C-alpha atoms as a PDB file:
ATOM      1  CA  UNK A   1       0.000   0.000   0.000  1.00  0.00           C
ATOM      2  CA  UNK A   2       1.507   3.326  -0.961  1.00  0.00           C
ATOM      3  CA  UNK A   3       1.762   6.217   1.439  1.00  0.00           C
ATOM      4  CA  UNK A   4      -0.341   9.288   0.838  1.00  0.00           C
ATOM      5  CA  UNK A   5       1.592  11.747  -1.302  1.00  0.00           C
ATOM      6  CA  UNK A   6       2.760  14.644   0.860  1.00  0.00           C
ATOM      7  CA  UNK A   7       2.028  17.856  -0.962  1.00  0.00           C
ATOM      8  CA  UNK A   8       2.452  19.891   2.220  1.00  0.00           C
ATOM      9  CA  UNK A   9      -1.193  19.682   3.248  1.00  0.00           C
ATOM     10  CA  UNK A  10      -1.433  16.330   5.037  1.00  0.00           C
ATOM     11  CA  UNK A  11      -3.430  16.143   8.242  1.00  0.00           C
ATOM     12  CA  UNK A  12      -1.776  14.824  11.398  1.00  0.00           C
ATOM     13  CA  UNK A  13      -3.816  11.644  10.989  1.00  0.00           C
ATOM     14  CA  UNK A  14      -2.490  11.182   7.438  1.00  0.00           C
ATOM     15  CA  UNK A  15       1.076  11.826   8.617  1.00  0.00           C
ATOM     16  CA  UNK A  16       0.727   9.152  11.330  1.00  0.00           C
ATOM     17  CA  UNK A  17      -0.711   6.783   8.735  1.00  0.00           C
ATOM     18  CA  UNK A  18       2.285   7.415   6.434  1.00  0.00           C
ATOM     19  CA  UNK A  19       4.713   6.796   9.312  1.00  0.00           C
ATOM     20  CA  UNK A  20       2.986   3.523  10.162  1.00  0.00           C
ATOM     21  CA  UNK A  21       2.995   2.337   6.532  1.00  0.00           C
ATOM     22  CA  UNK A  22       6.679   3.252   6.141  1.00  0.00           C
ATOM     23  CA  UNK A  23       7.579   1.444   9.368  1.00  0.00           C
ATOM     24  CA  UNK A  24       5.682  -1.698   8.371  1.00  0.00           C
ATOM     25  CA  UNK A  25       7.217  -1.620   4.890  1.00  0.00           C
ATOM     26  CA  UNK A  26      10.715  -1.594   6.417  1.00  0.00           C
ATOM     27  CA  UNK A  27       9.816  -4.527   8.654  1.00  0.00           C
ATOM     28  CA  UNK A  28       8.429  -6.497   5.714  1.00  0.00           C
ATOM     29  CA  UNK A  29      11.489  -5.738   3.561  1.00  0.00           C
ATOM     30  CA  UNK A  30      13.860  -6.890   6.342  1.00  0.00           C
ATOM     31  CA  UNK A  31      11.813 -10.047   6.819  1.00  0.00           C
ATOM     32  CA  UNK A  32      11.865 -10.812   3.108  1.00  0.00           C
ATOM     33  CA  UNK A  33      15.616 -10.181   3.104  1.00  0.00           C
ATOM     34  CA  UNK A  34      16.093 -12.736   5.902  1.00  0.00           C
ATOM     35  CA  UNK A  35      13.978 -15.292   4.078  1.00  0.00           C
ATOM     36  CA  UNK A  36      15.876 -14.714   0.819  1.00  0.00           C
ATOM     37  CA  UNK A  37      19.137 -15.067   2.714  1.00  0.00           C
ATOM     38  CA  UNK A  38      18.179 -18.402   4.198  1.00  0.00           C
ATOM     39  CA  UNK A  39      16.243 -19.760   1.228  1.00  0.00           C
ATOM     40  CA  UNK A  40      18.118 -18.447  -1.791  1.00  0.00           C
ATOM     41  CA  UNK A  41      15.622 -20.004  -4.180  1.00  0.00           C
ATOM     42  CA  UNK A  42      13.177 -17.277  -3.172  1.00  0.00           C
ATOM     43  CA  UNK A  43      15.366 -14.725  -4.943  1.00  0.00           C
ATOM     44  CA  UNK A  44      14.358 -16.041  -8.347  1.00  0.00           C
ATOM     45  CA  UNK A  45      10.946 -17.568  -7.985  1.00  0.00           C
ATOM     46  CA  UNK A  46       8.459 -17.241 -10.811  1.00  0.00           C
ATOM     47  CA  UNK A  47       4.946 -17.784  -9.527  1.00  0.00           C
ATOM     48  CA  UNK A  48       1.954 -16.623 -11.481  1.00  0.00           C
ATOM     49  CA  UNK A  49      -0.740 -17.617  -9.007  1.00  0.00           C
ATOM     50  CA  UNK A  50      -1.286 -15.577  -5.833  1.00  0.00           C
ATOM     51  CA  UNK A  51      -2.461 -18.593  -3.818  1.00  0.00           C
ATOM     52  CA  UNK A  52       0.708 -20.493  -4.679  1.00  0.00           C
ATOM     53  CA  UNK A  53       2.876 -17.484  -3.806  1.00  0.00           C
ATOM     54  CA  UNK A  54       1.200 -17.172  -0.404  1.00  0.00           C
ATOM     55  CA  UNK A  55       1.716 -20.891   0.293  1.00  0.00           C
ATOM     56  CA  UNK A  56       5.398 -20.726  -0.664  1.00  0.00           C
ATOM     57  CA  UNK A  57       6.036 -17.686   1.523  1.00  0.00           C
ATOM     58  CA  UNK A  58       4.101 -19.185   4.449  1.00  0.00           C
ATOM     59  CA  UNK A  59       6.102 -22.415   4.114  1.00  0.00           C
ATOM     60  CA  UNK A  60       9.349 -20.445   4.111  1.00  0.00           C
ATOM     61  CA  UNK A  61       8.224 -18.613   7.263  1.00  0.00           C
ATOM     62  CA  UNK A  62       7.369 -21.899   8.998  1.00  0.00           C
ATOM     63  CA  UNK A  63      10.713 -23.424   8.045  1.00  0.00           C
ATOM     64  CA  UNK A  64      12.499 -20.260   9.173  1.00  0.00           C
ATOM     65  CA  UNK A  65      10.724 -20.436  12.556  1.00  0.00           C
ATOM     66  CA  UNK A  66      11.685 -24.096  12.908  1.00  0.00           C
ATOM     67  CA  UNK A  67      15.309 -23.152  12.258  1.00  0.00           C
ATOM     68  CA  UNK A  68      15.086 -20.492  14.962  1.00  0.00           C
ATOM     69  CA  UNK A  69      13.478 -22.873  17.470  1.00  0.00           C
ATOM     70  CA  UNK A  70      16.275 -25.405  16.907  1.00  0.00           C
ATOM     71  CA  UNK A  71      18.939 -22.702  17.368  1.00  0.00           C
ATOM     72  CA  UNK A  72      20.045 -22.902  13.770  1.00  0.00           C
ATOM     73  CA  UNK A  73      22.345 -19.951  13.186  1.00  0.00           C
ATOM     74  CA  UNK A  74      20.777 -17.704  10.588  1.00  0.00           C
ATOM     75  CA  UNK A  75      23.971 -15.676  10.206  1.00  0.00           C
ATOM     76  CA  UNK A  76      25.746 -18.770   8.888  1.00  0.00           C
ATOM     77  CA  UNK A  77      23.402 -18.758   5.905  1.00  0.00           C
ATOM     78  CA  UNK A  78      22.715 -15.130   5.185  1.00  0.00           C
ATOM     79  CA  UNK A  79      24.814 -13.715   2.429  1.00  0.00           C
ATOM     80  CA  UNK A  80      25.259  -9.999   2.515  1.00  0.00           C
ATOM     81  CA  UNK A  81      24.291  -8.985  -0.934  1.00  0.00           C
ATOM     82  CA  UNK A  82      22.904  -5.971  -2.629  1.00  0.00           C
ATOM     83  CA  UNK A  83      19.459  -6.961  -3.667  1.00  0.00           C
ATOM     84  CA  UNK A  84      18.979  -5.991  -7.233  1.00  0.00           C
ATOM     85  CA  UNK A  85      15.250  -5.772  -7.104  1.00  0.00           C
ATOM     86  CA  UNK A  86      13.204  -3.446  -9.199  1.00  0.00           C
ATOM     87  CA  UNK A  87      12.249  -0.223  -7.502  1.00  0.00           C
ATOM     88  CA  UNK A  88       8.708   0.044  -6.270  1.00  0.00           C
ATOM     89  CA  UNK A  89       6.613   0.219  -9.338  1.00  0.00           C
ATOM     90  CA  UNK A  90       4.263   3.147  -9.548  1.00  0.00           C
ATOM     91  CA  UNK A  91       0.784   2.077 -10.409  1.00  0.00           C
ATOM     92  CA  UNK A  92      -2.107   4.408 -10.909  1.00  0.00           C
ATOM     93  CA  UNK A  93      -4.396   4.766  -7.912  1.00  0.00           C
ATOM     94  CA  UNK A  94      -7.632   2.965  -8.428  1.00  0.00           C
ATOM     95  CA  UNK A  95     -10.753   4.243  -6.735  1.00  0.00           C
ATOM     96  CA  UNK A  96     -11.220   1.169  -4.526  1.00  0.00           C
ATOM     97  CA  UNK A  97      -7.621   1.287  -3.303  1.00  0.00           C
ATOM     98  CA  UNK A  98      -7.790   4.990  -2.496  1.00  0.00           C
ATOM     99  CA  UNK A  99     -11.117   4.525  -0.678  1.00  0.00           C
ATOM    100  CA  UNK A 100      -9.666   1.635   1.351  1.00  0.00           C
ATOM    101  CA  UNK A 101      -6.577   3.652   2.264  1.00  0.00           C
ATOM    102  CA  UNK A 102      -8.766   6.582   3.338  1.00  0.00           C
ATOM    103  CA  UNK A 103     -10.789   4.276   5.622  1.00  0.00           C
ATOM    104  CA  UNK A 104      -7.517   3.101   7.194  1.00  0.00           C
ATOM    105  CA  UNK A 105      -6.400   6.697   7.750  1.00  0.00           C
ATOM    106  CA  UNK A 106      -9.567   7.258   9.794  1.00  0.00           C
ATOM    107  CA  UNK A 107      -8.264   4.729  12.339  1.00  0.00           C
ATOM    108  CA  UNK A 108      -5.221   6.901  13.173  1.00  0.00           C
ATOM    109  CA  UNK A 109      -6.637   9.115  15.925  1.00  0.00           C
END
């Protein structure tokens, strides 16, 4: 979900929403980085079905948690690499997405 574009007129509620989205995005990106470090196959995975993608990611998370619970050392497997991923693609806002985001903003009191 994209943040609300800051044209200098954002409300405090919208600013808090943007901060929350940015914080969650960083957490998700770090998590994906850990998974890609442990399961290198995830770096180049071509899945064209959303259900299959969700199952693969969930399975990787379960396996990752098993590794943690058995004290498997993640650092032994993580390669420090510069991810060469495409930058966030800009997609036009659709009305449903904007309406949904605006309903979420209302929760930031």
